[in-house]
C-alpha atoms as a PDB file:
ATOM      1  CA  MET A   1      -6.339  -9.372 -24.589  1.00  0.00           C
ATOM      2  CA  SER A   2      -4.593  -5.893 -25.029  1.00  0.00           C
ATOM      3  CA  ASP A   3      -1.555  -4.522 -23.413  1.00  0.00           C
ATOM      4  CA  SER A   4      -3.491  -2.154 -21.200  1.00  0.00           C
ATOM      5  CA  ALA A   5      -6.218  -4.530 -20.417  1.00  0.00           C
ATOM      6  CA  ILE A   6      -3.825  -6.844 -18.879  1.00  0.00           C
ATOM      7  CA  TYR A   7      -2.091  -3.941 -17.320  1.00  0.00           C
ATOM      8  CA  GLN A   8      -5.781  -2.954 -15.775  1.00  0.00           C
ATOM      9  CA  GLU A   9      -5.912  -6.511 -14.410  1.00  0.00           C
ATOM     10  CA  ARG A  10      -2.306  -6.041 -12.942  1.00  0.00           C
ATOM     11  CA  LEU A  11      -3.629  -3.129 -11.145  1.00  0.00           C
ATOM     12  CA  MET A  12      -6.054  -4.473  -9.658  1.00  0.00           C
ATOM     13  CA  GLN A  13      -3.336  -6.510  -7.900  1.00  0.00           C
ATOM     14  CA  VAL A  14      -1.408  -4.541  -6.477  1.00  0.00           C
ATOM     15  CA  LEU A  15      -2.775  -3.081  -3.686  1.00  0.00           C
ATOM     16  CA  LEU A  16      -3.418  -5.620  -0.830  1.00  0.00           C
ATOM     17  CA  ALA A  17      -5.148  -4.102   2.054  1.00  0.00           C
ATOM     18  CA  PRO A  18      -5.041  -0.603   3.481  1.00  0.00           C
ATOM     19  CA  LEU A  19      -3.117  -0.244   7.097  1.00  0.00           C
ATOM     20  CA  GLN A  20      -4.960   1.868   9.873  1.00  0.00           C
ATOM     21  CA  SER A  21      -2.956   2.057  13.208  1.00  0.00           C
ATOM     22  CA  GLU A  22      -2.300   5.091  15.248  1.00  0.00           C
ATOM     23  CA  LYS A  23       0.691   5.755  13.295  1.00  0.00           C
ATOM     24  CA  THR A  24      -0.683   5.926  10.170  1.00  0.00           C
ATOM     25  CA  THR A  25      -3.750   7.858  11.498  1.00  0.00           C
ATOM     26  CA  MET A  26      -1.338  10.655  12.497  1.00  0.00           C
ATOM     27  CA  VAL A  27       0.319  10.347   8.857  1.00  0.00           C
ATOM     28  CA  GLY A  28      -2.787  10.642   7.245  1.00  0.00           C
ATOM     29  CA  GLU A  29      -3.858  13.854   9.469  1.00  0.00           C
ATOM     30  CA  LYS A  30      -0.615  15.831   9.319  1.00  0.00           C
ATOM     31  CA  CYS A  31       0.695  14.591   5.752  1.00  0.00           C
ATOM     32  CA  ASN A  32      -2.355  13.743   3.742  1.00  0.00           C
ATOM     33  CA  GLN A  33      -1.188  10.519   3.243  1.00  0.00           C
ATOM     34  CA  VAL A  34      -2.719   6.690   3.158  1.00  0.00           C
ATOM     35  CA  VAL A  35      -0.939   3.522   4.176  1.00  0.00           C
ATOM     36  CA  PHE A  36      -1.272   0.079   1.701  1.00  0.00           C
ATOM     37  CA  LYS A  37      -0.033  -3.283   2.126  1.00  0.00           C
ATOM     38  CA  VAL A  38       1.107  -4.033  -1.516  1.00  0.00           C
ATOM     39  CA  ALA A  39       2.348  -7.086  -3.580  1.00  0.00           C
ATOM     40  CA  SER A  40       6.132  -7.697  -2.961  1.00  0.00           C
ATOM     41  CA  ASN A  41       6.725  -6.862  -6.158  1.00  0.00           C
ATOM     42  CA  ALA A  42       4.587  -3.582  -6.922  1.00  0.00           C
ATOM     43  CA  ASN A  43       6.707  -0.598  -7.854  1.00  0.00           C
ATOM     44  CA  LYS A  44       5.967   3.103  -7.360  1.00  0.00           C
ATOM     45  CA  THR A  45       4.352   3.773 -10.818  1.00  0.00           C
ATOM     46  CA  GLU A  46       1.766   0.346 -10.069  1.00  0.00           C
ATOM     47  CA  VAL A  47       1.199   1.609  -7.093  1.00  0.00           C
ATOM     48  CA  LYS A  48       0.264   5.587  -7.782  1.00  0.00           C
ATOM     49  CA  ASP A  49      -1.933   4.549 -11.051  1.00  0.00           C
ATOM     50  CA  ALA A  50      -3.626   1.784  -8.607  1.00  0.00           C
ATOM     51  CA  VAL A  51      -4.676   4.962  -6.058  1.00  0.00           C
ATOM     52  CA  GLU A  52      -6.106   6.692  -8.713  1.00  0.00           C
ATOM     53  CA  GLN A  53      -7.999   4.358 -10.729  1.00  0.00           C
ATOM     54  CA  LEU A  54      -9.330   2.527  -7.783  1.00  0.00           C
ATOM     55  CA  PHE A  55     -10.306   5.749  -5.547  1.00  0.00           C
ATOM     56  CA  LYS A  56     -10.542   8.401  -8.646  1.00  0.00           C
ATOM     57  CA  VAL A  57      -8.175  10.433  -6.099  1.00  0.00           C
ATOM     58  CA  LYS A  58      -5.110  12.642  -7.484  1.00  0.00           C
ATOM     59  CA  VAL A  59      -1.597  11.374  -5.857  1.00  0.00           C
ATOM     60  CA  SER A  60       1.562  13.346  -5.345  1.00  0.00           C
ATOM     61  CA  SER A  61       4.321  11.053  -4.702  1.00  0.00           C
ATOM     62  CA  VAL A  62       4.873   7.164  -3.252  1.00  0.00           C
ATOM     63  CA  GLN A  63       7.200   6.066  -0.549  1.00  0.00           C
ATOM     64  CA  ILE A  64       7.536   2.174  -0.482  1.00  0.00           C
ATOM     65  CA  LEU A  65       8.840   0.399   2.278  1.00  0.00           C
ATOM     66  CA  ASN A  66      10.206  -3.186   2.774  1.00  0.00           C
ATOM     67  CA  VAL A  67       9.177  -4.518   6.129  1.00  0.00           C
ATOM     68  CA  LYS A  68      11.354  -7.387   7.456  1.00  0.00           C
ATOM     69  CA  GLY A  69       9.656 -10.249   8.498  1.00  0.00           C
ATOM     70  CA  LYS A  70      10.080 -11.354  12.376  1.00  0.00           C
ATOM     71  CA  GLN A  71      12.241 -13.941  13.847  1.00  0.00           C
ATOM     72  CA  LYS A  72      10.087 -16.646  15.946  1.00  0.00           C
ATOM     73  CA  ASN A  73      10.714 -19.970  17.923  1.00  0.00           C
ATOM     74  CA  PHE A  74       8.677 -22.404  17.060  1.00  0.00           C
ATOM     75  CA  GLY A  75       9.742 -25.004  19.903  1.00  0.00           C
ATOM     76  CA  ARG A  76      13.280 -25.356  19.698  1.00  0.00           C
ATOM     77  CA  ILE A  77      12.930 -24.618  16.008  1.00  0.00           C
ATOM     78  CA  ARG A  78      13.806 -21.089  14.876  1.00  0.00           C
ATOM     79  CA  GLY A  79      11.862 -19.641  11.928  1.00  0.00           C
ATOM     80  CA  GLN A  80      10.758 -16.228  10.062  1.00  0.00           C
ATOM     81  CA  ARG A  81       7.872 -15.075   8.938  1.00  0.00           C
ATOM     82  CA  SER A  82       7.536 -13.741   5.585  1.00  0.00           C
ATOM     83  CA  GLY A  83       8.451  -9.805   4.289  1.00  0.00           C
ATOM     84  CA  TRP A  84       6.539  -7.902   2.940  1.00  0.00           C
ATOM     85  CA  LYS A  85       5.923  -4.494   1.408  1.00  0.00           C
ATOM     86  CA  LYS A  86       4.191  -0.639   2.492  1.00  0.00           C
ATOM     87  CA  ALA A  87       3.487   2.115   0.561  1.00  0.00           C
ATOM     88  CA  TYR A  88       2.607   5.942   1.622  1.00  0.00           C
ATOM     89  CA  VAL A  89       0.828   7.639  -0.749  1.00  0.00           C
ATOM     90  CA  ALA A  90       0.621  11.302  -0.550  1.00  0.00           C
ATOM     91  CA  LEU A  91      -2.133  13.084  -1.788  1.00  0.00           C
ATOM     92  CA  GLN A  92      -2.332  15.987  -3.375  1.00  0.00           C
ATOM     93  CA  GLU A  93      -3.986  19.105  -1.807  1.00  0.00           C
ATOM     94  CA  GLY A  94      -7.669  19.103  -1.375  1.00  0.00           C
ATOM     95  CA  GLU A  95      -8.083  15.426  -2.327  1.00  0.00           C
ATOM     96  CA  ASN A  96      -9.438  13.036   0.769  1.00  0.00           C
ATOM     97  CA  LEU A  97      -9.497   9.408   1.178  1.00  0.00           C
ATOM     98  CA  THR A  98     -11.233   7.632   4.171  1.00  0.00           C
ATOM     99  CA  PHE A  99     -11.809   3.742   4.735  1.00  0.00           C
ATOM    100  CA  ALA A 100     -15.560   2.857   6.561  1.00  0.00           C
ATOM    101  CA  ASN A 101     -14.551   0.606   9.835  1.00  0.00           C
ATOM    102  CA  ALA A 102     -16.341  -2.651   9.602  1.00  0.00           C
END
């Protein structure tokens, strides 16, 4: 396998799911951004390349946040959910990306 084929395979594993909530909808309308749940070891350039390749749009910037897992009680035992990463992807002017509701 060549290096480019390995990189293409890696890009397919970076984006895990689009996030849809009231906040992400408002951000999408106001700032032309889309929000994704991404792999915990993903970086900005990988997220940008993955979105451009999968959705055929131009990305102007990417912002990544680490979301900490919540503390939860299981009876007398205290546990914690796993943390995860979220990426705000800003699209260039004129680009549009929508998801069909299932």
